[in-house]
Every structure is written in structure tokens, then in C-alpha cells.
């Protein structure tokens, strides 16, 4: 092939190929700079992009699990508050039962203590009824409860594994300590006054119904406290895992912007030089005209 040809300009072809290659590299670099990703889609690196999509899915699932756990934290905290108030109130009620178990307490004094006991019992009922969060309660299975009573299974991670939180029978508690007026008055119905007073004393012995319920509330407080710690620790772990996954994904697909910035400058210069080289190569056939003058 003749070097002096107007049909085939080899210099222009080489310059054009070089310029096209530079334009492609420049487009890739600009894409990385504008998106911040070395792998923005599957055309950049299909395998890396597939891995990144899997990680994004896992991060999304963990985020959703933490949102669910956040709601559970509210329910558990409200439950803890309700049980704590019940426990405190039962401490006061126990003091009243101690006074009512004293046979020397009679007449108006006994009546006043009974009235006070029933008032505090009403408080306990209110705590049971109101211990709800977002329409759900772990202790409120009693008439007038403001939430749905039931066991709660919490989604704790990205694969749907659950953590169960048991419920506490508020109705059974209330029924066990709601002694009727006759039982507290010790009016010797069916026996002597001393016998009736002794029955009241039996409520607060180690095996007495009131003492057992107070211990049950304490046990449930321990259970709820452990559940709160578990949920808090799980949320922290999930957040740490999300950070680790994002860090790993960043190492895989994030662009090195400092490097790409330097590459952009170099490619822009190459683009300008390539354009000039193509322009010069296209002018070469013009020199053949001088041969025909």
C-alpha cells in the first residue's frame, strides 16, 4: 500500500484509534468520579457487582431487623416500667397486710387500712391495663387493657431468626391479691377473730399467695431486664455488622478518587493531543496537491 494515498490515510486511522481508546478511558474515569464507584453497574465488573448487590440486600435486611427491634425496645421498656411500679406498689401493700395481720388493729384503723389496700390494688390494676406499647402488651390480659396480649417473637437478624419474649399473666396476679373485704376485715366469719387474722398473716409468709406473687413479679422483672439487654446487644451487633459489610463492599467497589482525579487530568491531555494528532494526520494528503502544481 502506497504511503502517498488519498484513499487510505494510515496516520489518520492510527490517530483515530488512539483517540477512541482515550475517549473510552476518559468516559470510564468520568463515570467513576461522578458516581464514586469503581463498579457502578454490571458492565464495569459483573462479578464484583453481583457480590455488592448481595451485600446491599443483607444490609437492608439487617436495617429492617433493627427497626423491628427498635419497636420491641419500646414494648420491653414499657413492660419493665409497669412491672417496676407493680413491684413497688406490692411492697406498700405488703406493709398494709402486715398491719392487718396484727390482731390489735381493729375498728376504724382496720377499715382505713383495708381502704388503703384496695386503693393500691386499683393502682396495680391500672398498671396492668396500661402497660401497652403500639397496641401490644406483655402483661395486660385483664379487662380494660389497652393492648393486645400475647407472646412476642422478635426478628433479630437478616435471615429472620427470632428471639421469643414470654408474657406475664397480669390477670392471674390481680386475681390472687384482690382479697375481698371479708378476708381483710377478719370479722370471724366461720371462726374466731384470731383465726381470721392468722389467715391474713398467711398471705405474706414465704409460701403465702401474696408473697408468691411478689416473687413472681420480681422474677419477671429479671426476665424483662435480660430481654432488654439482649435486644440492646443485638441492635449494637447488627449495627457493627452493617458497618463491617459496608466497609468490605467499599473496598470492593468504591473508586479511588485521588487516583481517578490524576487519571482524569492525564486523559484530558491525551485527548487534546490525540485530537491534534488526528487533525495533522488528516492534513497529510493536502501535501500531494503540491505535486500537481
Protein backbone atom coordinates (compact mmCIF):
# COMPACT_ATOMS: atom_id res chain seq x y z
CA UNK A 1 0.00 0.00 0.00
CA UNK A 2 1.38 3.35 -1.03
CA UNK A 3 2.19 5.84 1.70
CA UNK A 4 1.15 8.63 -0.66
CA UNK A 5 -2.52 7.69 -0.93
CA UNK A 6 -5.59 9.83 -0.55
CA UNK A 7 -7.82 6.75 -0.22
CA UNK A 8 -6.10 5.18 2.79
CA UNK A 9 -4.63 7.56 5.35
CA UNK A 10 -2.83 5.27 7.79
CA UNK A 11 -1.72 8.14 10.00
CA UNK A 12 -5.31 9.30 10.44
CA UNK A 13 -6.50 5.74 11.13
CA UNK A 14 -3.90 5.23 13.86
CA UNK A 15 -4.61 8.64 15.37
CA UNK A 16 -8.36 7.96 15.34
CA UNK A 17 -7.94 4.55 17.02
CA UNK A 18 -5.76 6.11 19.71
CA UNK A 19 -8.24 8.95 20.23
CA UNK A 20 -11.17 6.49 20.50
CA UNK A 21 -9.28 4.47 23.13
CA UNK A 22 -8.58 7.64 25.09
CA UNK A 23 -12.24 8.67 24.86
CA UNK A 24 -13.33 5.29 26.25
CA UNK A 25 -10.90 5.52 29.16
CA UNK A 26 -11.96 9.10 29.79
CA UNK A 27 -15.65 8.09 29.88
CA UNK A 28 -14.87 5.29 32.36
CA UNK A 29 -12.89 7.65 34.59
CA UNK A 30 -15.59 10.33 34.49
CA UNK A 31 -18.17 7.68 35.42
CA UNK A 32 -16.14 6.65 38.47
CA UNK A 33 -15.70 10.25 39.56
CA UNK A 34 -19.37 11.15 39.09
CA UNK A 35 -20.72 8.02 40.83
CA UNK A 36 -17.94 7.48 43.36
CA UNK A 37 -17.88 3.79 42.39
CA UNK A 38 -15.27 1.73 40.59
CA UNK A 39 -18.10 -0.70 39.91
CA UNK A 40 -21.30 1.29 39.37
CA UNK A 41 -23.14 -1.43 37.43
CA UNK A 42 -22.64 -4.89 35.99
CA UNK A 43 -20.91 -3.54 32.86
CA UNK A 44 -17.94 -2.40 34.97
CA UNK A 45 -17.26 -5.71 36.74
CA UNK A 46 -20.11 -8.23 36.71
CA UNK A 47 -18.76 -10.48 39.47
CA UNK A 48 -17.95 -7.62 41.85
CA UNK A 49 -21.33 -6.00 41.15
CA UNK A 50 -23.17 -9.25 41.95
CA UNK A 51 -21.31 -9.53 45.27
CA UNK A 52 -22.07 -5.90 46.07
CA UNK A 53 -25.78 -6.40 45.37
CA UNK A 54 -25.83 -9.35 47.76
CA UNK A 55 -24.17 -7.26 50.46
CA UNK A 56 -26.64 -4.42 49.89
CA UNK A 57 -29.50 -6.88 50.32
CA UNK A 58 -28.01 -8.15 53.60
CA UNK A 59 -27.52 -4.60 54.88
CA UNK A 60 -31.12 -3.76 54.01
CA UNK A 61 -32.39 -6.86 55.85
CA UNK A 62 -30.29 -6.05 58.93
CA UNK A 63 -31.56 -2.48 58.90
CA UNK A 64 -35.13 -3.76 58.78
CA UNK A 65 -34.43 -6.16 61.66
CA UNK A 66 -33.06 -3.29 63.73
CA UNK A 67 -36.18 -1.26 63.04
CA UNK A 68 -38.28 -4.14 64.37
CA UNK A 69 -36.02 -4.47 67.39
CA UNK A 70 -36.40 -0.74 67.99
CA UNK A 71 -40.15 -1.24 68.36
CA UNK A 72 -39.50 -4.17 70.70
CA UNK A 73 -37.27 -1.95 72.84
CA UNK A 74 -40.23 0.35 73.38
CA UNK A 75 -42.54 -2.53 74.35
CA UNK A 76 -39.97 -4.03 76.72
CA UNK A 77 -39.25 -0.68 78.37
CA UNK A 78 -42.95 -0.01 78.95
CA UNK A 79 -43.34 -3.53 80.34
CA UNK A 80 -40.38 -3.01 82.65
CA UNK A 81 -41.84 0.27 83.87
CA UNK A 82 -45.23 -1.34 84.51
CA UNK A 83 -43.74 -4.27 86.41
CA UNK A 84 -41.48 -1.98 88.41
CA UNK A 85 -44.47 0.10 89.51
CA UNK A 86 -46.42 -3.04 90.36
CA UNK A 87 -43.49 -4.31 92.42
CA UNK A 88 -43.20 -1.03 94.31
CA UNK A 89 -46.93 -0.91 94.95
CA UNK A 90 -46.98 -4.50 96.18
CA UNK A 91 -44.22 -3.56 98.63
CA UNK A 92 -46.55 -0.95 100.10
CA UNK A 93 -49.48 -3.39 100.06
CA UNK A 94 -47.40 -5.95 101.94
CA UNK A 95 -46.85 -3.42 104.70
CA UNK A 96 -50.62 -2.99 104.96
CA UNK A 97 -51.10 -6.76 105.17
CA UNK A 98 -48.57 -6.88 107.98
CA UNK A 99 -50.66 -4.32 109.87
CA UNK A 100 -53.88 -6.18 109.12
CA UNK A 101 -52.32 -9.41 110.41
CA UNK A 102 -51.98 -7.75 113.82
CA UNK A 103 -54.99 -8.71 115.95
CA UNK A 104 -54.69 -5.45 117.88
CA UNK A 105 -55.64 -3.48 114.76
CA UNK A 106 -59.42 -3.25 114.87
CA UNK A 107 -62.30 -0.91 114.25
CA UNK A 108 -61.73 2.23 112.16
CA UNK A 109 -57.99 1.62 111.91
CA UNK A 110 -58.58 -1.73 110.24
CA UNK A 111 -61.19 -0.17 107.95
CA UNK A 112 -58.76 2.57 106.91
CA UNK A 113 -56.02 0.04 106.15
CA UNK A 114 -58.43 -2.02 104.08
CA UNK A 115 -59.50 1.08 102.15
CA UNK A 116 -55.86 1.95 101.51
CA UNK A 117 -55.10 -1.61 100.39
CA UNK A 118 -57.96 -1.58 97.90
CA UNK A 119 -56.85 1.83 96.57
CA UNK A 120 -53.36 0.49 95.95
CA UNK A 121 -54.85 -2.64 94.41
CA UNK A 122 -56.67 -0.35 91.96
CA UNK A 123 -53.30 1.19 91.11
CA UNK A 124 -51.90 -2.27 90.36
CA UNK A 125 -54.85 -2.95 88.07
CA UNK A 126 -54.20 0.33 86.24
CA UNK A 127 -50.52 -0.52 85.77
CA UNK A 128 -51.51 -3.88 84.28
CA UNK A 129 -54.10 -2.35 81.97
CA UNK A 130 -51.89 0.49 80.75
CA UNK A 131 -48.63 -1.39 80.14
CA UNK A 132 -49.01 -1.29 76.36
CA UNK A 133 -46.87 -0.04 73.50
CA UNK A 134 -48.14 0.44 69.97
CA UNK A 135 -51.23 -1.62 70.71
CA UNK A 136 -49.45 -4.58 72.32
CA UNK A 137 -48.83 -5.60 75.92
CA UNK A 138 -46.87 -8.35 77.62
CA UNK A 139 -48.75 -8.21 80.94
CA UNK A 140 -52.16 -6.74 80.26
CA UNK A 141 -54.52 -9.73 79.99
CA UNK A 142 -57.11 -8.10 82.19
CA UNK A 143 -60.40 -6.34 81.48
CA UNK A 144 -59.76 -2.82 80.23
CA UNK A 145 -56.28 -3.50 78.86
CA UNK A 146 -55.27 -1.04 76.13
CA UNK A 147 -53.18 -3.52 74.12
CA UNK A 148 -53.33 -6.99 72.60
CA UNK A 149 -51.89 -9.55 74.98
CA UNK A 150 -49.57 -12.23 73.62
CA UNK A 151 -46.12 -13.69 73.31
CA UNK A 152 -43.73 -11.66 71.20
CA UNK A 153 -41.30 -13.21 68.73
CA UNK A 154 -38.71 -10.67 67.63
CA UNK A 155 -36.92 -10.85 64.27
CA UNK A 156 -33.32 -10.36 65.33
CA UNK A 157 -31.19 -10.68 62.17
CA UNK A 158 -31.10 -10.70 58.37
CA UNK A 159 -32.17 -14.34 57.99
CA UNK A 160 -35.34 -13.99 60.05
CA UNK A 161 -34.13 -15.80 63.19
CA UNK A 162 -36.33 -14.96 66.17
CA UNK A 163 -36.00 -14.26 69.87
CA UNK A 164 -39.03 -15.00 72.00
CA UNK A 165 -40.20 -12.87 74.91
CA UNK A 166 -42.70 -14.57 77.23
CA UNK A 167 -45.73 -12.82 78.67
CA UNK A 168 -46.73 -12.27 82.28
CA UNK A 169 -50.25 -13.07 83.46
CA UNK A 170 -51.48 -9.77 84.84
CA UNK A 171 -54.99 -11.16 85.31
CA UNK A 172 -53.73 -14.04 87.48
CA UNK A 173 -51.66 -11.62 89.55
CA UNK A 174 -54.58 -9.26 90.15
CA UNK A 175 -56.95 -12.08 90.98
CA UNK A 176 -54.55 -13.54 93.53
CA UNK A 177 -54.06 -10.34 95.53
CA UNK A 178 -57.58 -8.90 95.20
CA UNK A 179 -58.72 -10.16 98.60
CA UNK A 180 -62.33 -9.45 99.36
CA UNK A 181 -63.44 -7.19 102.20
CA UNK A 182 -64.42 -10.12 104.40
CA UNK A 183 -60.99 -11.71 104.11
CA UNK A 184 -59.25 -8.48 105.14
CA UNK A 185 -61.76 -7.40 107.77
CA UNK A 186 -61.25 -10.55 109.86
CA UNK A 187 -64.78 -10.47 111.17
CA UNK A 188 -64.59 -14.02 112.47
CA UNK A 189 -66.86 -15.42 109.78
CA UNK A 190 -66.61 -19.17 110.23
CA UNK A 191 -64.13 -18.90 113.10
CA UNK A 192 -62.61 -16.73 115.77
CA UNK A 193 -61.10 -13.28 115.12
CA UNK A 194 -57.62 -14.63 115.85
CA UNK A 195 -58.10 -17.37 113.25
CA UNK A 196 -59.08 -14.87 110.57
CA UNK A 197 -56.13 -12.62 111.41
CA UNK A 198 -53.87 -15.64 111.13
CA UNK A 199 -55.17 -16.25 107.61
CA UNK A 200 -54.12 -12.73 106.63
CA UNK A 201 -50.68 -13.36 108.06
CA UNK A 202 -50.54 -16.46 105.88
CA UNK A 203 -50.81 -14.30 102.73
CA UNK A 204 -47.36 -12.82 103.36
CA UNK A 205 -45.44 -15.88 104.56
CA UNK A 206 -42.82 -17.38 102.24
CA UNK A 207 -45.42 -19.74 100.79
CA UNK A 208 -48.31 -17.30 101.03
CA UNK A 209 -50.21 -16.26 97.94
CA UNK A 210 -49.19 -12.60 98.17
CA UNK A 211 -45.51 -13.42 98.75
CA UNK A 212 -45.50 -15.84 95.83
CA UNK A 213 -46.98 -13.21 93.51
CA UNK A 214 -44.46 -10.61 94.69
CA UNK A 215 -41.66 -13.07 93.96
CA UNK A 216 -43.18 -13.81 90.57
CA UNK A 217 -43.16 -10.11 89.71
CA UNK A 218 -39.50 -9.96 90.75
CA UNK A 219 -38.69 -12.95 88.56
CA UNK A 220 -40.47 -11.34 85.63
CA UNK A 221 -38.56 -8.10 86.17
CA UNK A 222 -35.35 -10.12 85.89
CA UNK A 223 -36.64 -11.79 82.71
CA UNK A 224 -37.64 -8.49 81.12
CA UNK A 225 -34.33 -6.92 82.13
CA UNK A 226 -32.45 -9.76 80.46
CA UNK A 227 -34.61 -9.38 77.35
CA UNK A 228 -33.88 -5.63 77.21
CA UNK A 229 -30.14 -6.31 77.46
CA UNK A 230 -30.40 -8.98 74.78
CA UNK A 231 -32.25 -6.69 72.37
CA UNK A 232 -29.88 -3.78 73.02
CA UNK A 233 -26.87 -6.02 72.43
CA UNK A 234 -28.43 -7.43 69.26
CA UNK A 235 -29.08 -3.94 67.89
CA UNK A 236 -25.46 -2.98 68.62
CA UNK A 237 -24.20 -6.17 66.98
CA UNK A 238 -26.37 -5.63 63.90
CA UNK A 239 -25.07 -2.06 63.56
CA UNK A 240 -21.48 -3.29 63.85
CA UNK A 241 -22.19 -5.93 61.22
CA UNK A 242 -23.73 -3.33 58.90
CA UNK A 243 -20.61 -1.16 59.27
CA UNK A 244 -18.36 -4.15 58.54
CA UNK A 245 -20.37 -5.13 55.47
CA UNK A 246 -20.37 -1.58 54.12
CA UNK A 247 -16.62 -1.34 54.71
CA UNK A 248 -16.00 -4.57 52.84
CA UNK A 249 -18.26 -3.53 49.99
CA UNK A 250 -16.49 -0.17 49.81
CA UNK A 251 -13.14 -1.88 49.39
CA UNK A 252 -14.63 -3.92 46.56
CA UNK A 253 -16.47 -1.30 44.51
CA UNK A 254 -15.56 2.22 45.67
CA UNK A 255 -13.43 4.34 43.39
CA UNK A 256 -10.06 5.76 44.45
CA UNK A 257 -10.99 9.37 43.72
CA UNK A 258 -7.49 10.74 44.25
CA UNK A 259 -6.13 8.28 41.69
CA UNK A 260 -9.01 8.89 39.29
CA UNK A 261 -8.56 12.65 39.57
CA UNK A 262 -4.94 12.33 38.45
CA UNK A 263 -6.02 9.89 35.71
CA UNK A 264 -8.65 12.37 34.51
CA UNK A 265 -6.06 15.11 34.05
CA UNK A 266 -3.77 12.78 32.12
CA UNK A 267 -6.57 11.54 29.87
CA UNK A 268 -7.79 15.07 29.14
CA UNK A 269 -4.28 15.97 27.99
CA UNK A 270 -4.11 12.78 25.89
CA UNK A 271 -7.48 13.67 24.40
CA UNK A 272 -6.24 17.10 23.36
CA UNK A 273 -3.06 15.65 21.90
CA UNK A 274 -4.98 12.90 20.12
CA UNK A 275 -7.30 15.47 18.57
CA UNK A 276 -4.34 17.49 17.34
CA UNK A 277 -2.62 14.36 16.00
CA UNK A 278 -5.75 13.40 14.08
CA UNK A 279 -6.02 16.90 12.70
CA UNK A 280 -2.40 16.79 11.47
CA UNK A 281 -2.88 13.30 10.01
CA UNK A 282 -5.94 14.48 8.09
CA UNK A 283 -3.89 17.34 6.61
CA UNK A 284 -1.19 15.00 5.22
CA UNK A 285 -2.96 14.29 1.87
CA UNK A 286 -3.05 18.04 1.25
CA UNK A 287 0.72 17.91 0.57
CA UNK A 288 0.05 15.77 -2.52
CA UNK A 289 -1.61 18.76 -4.17
CA UNK A 290 1.78 20.49 -4.43
CA UNK A 291 2.92 17.75 -6.83
CA UNK A 292 0.30 18.82 -9.34
CA UNK A 293 1.06 22.49 -9.42
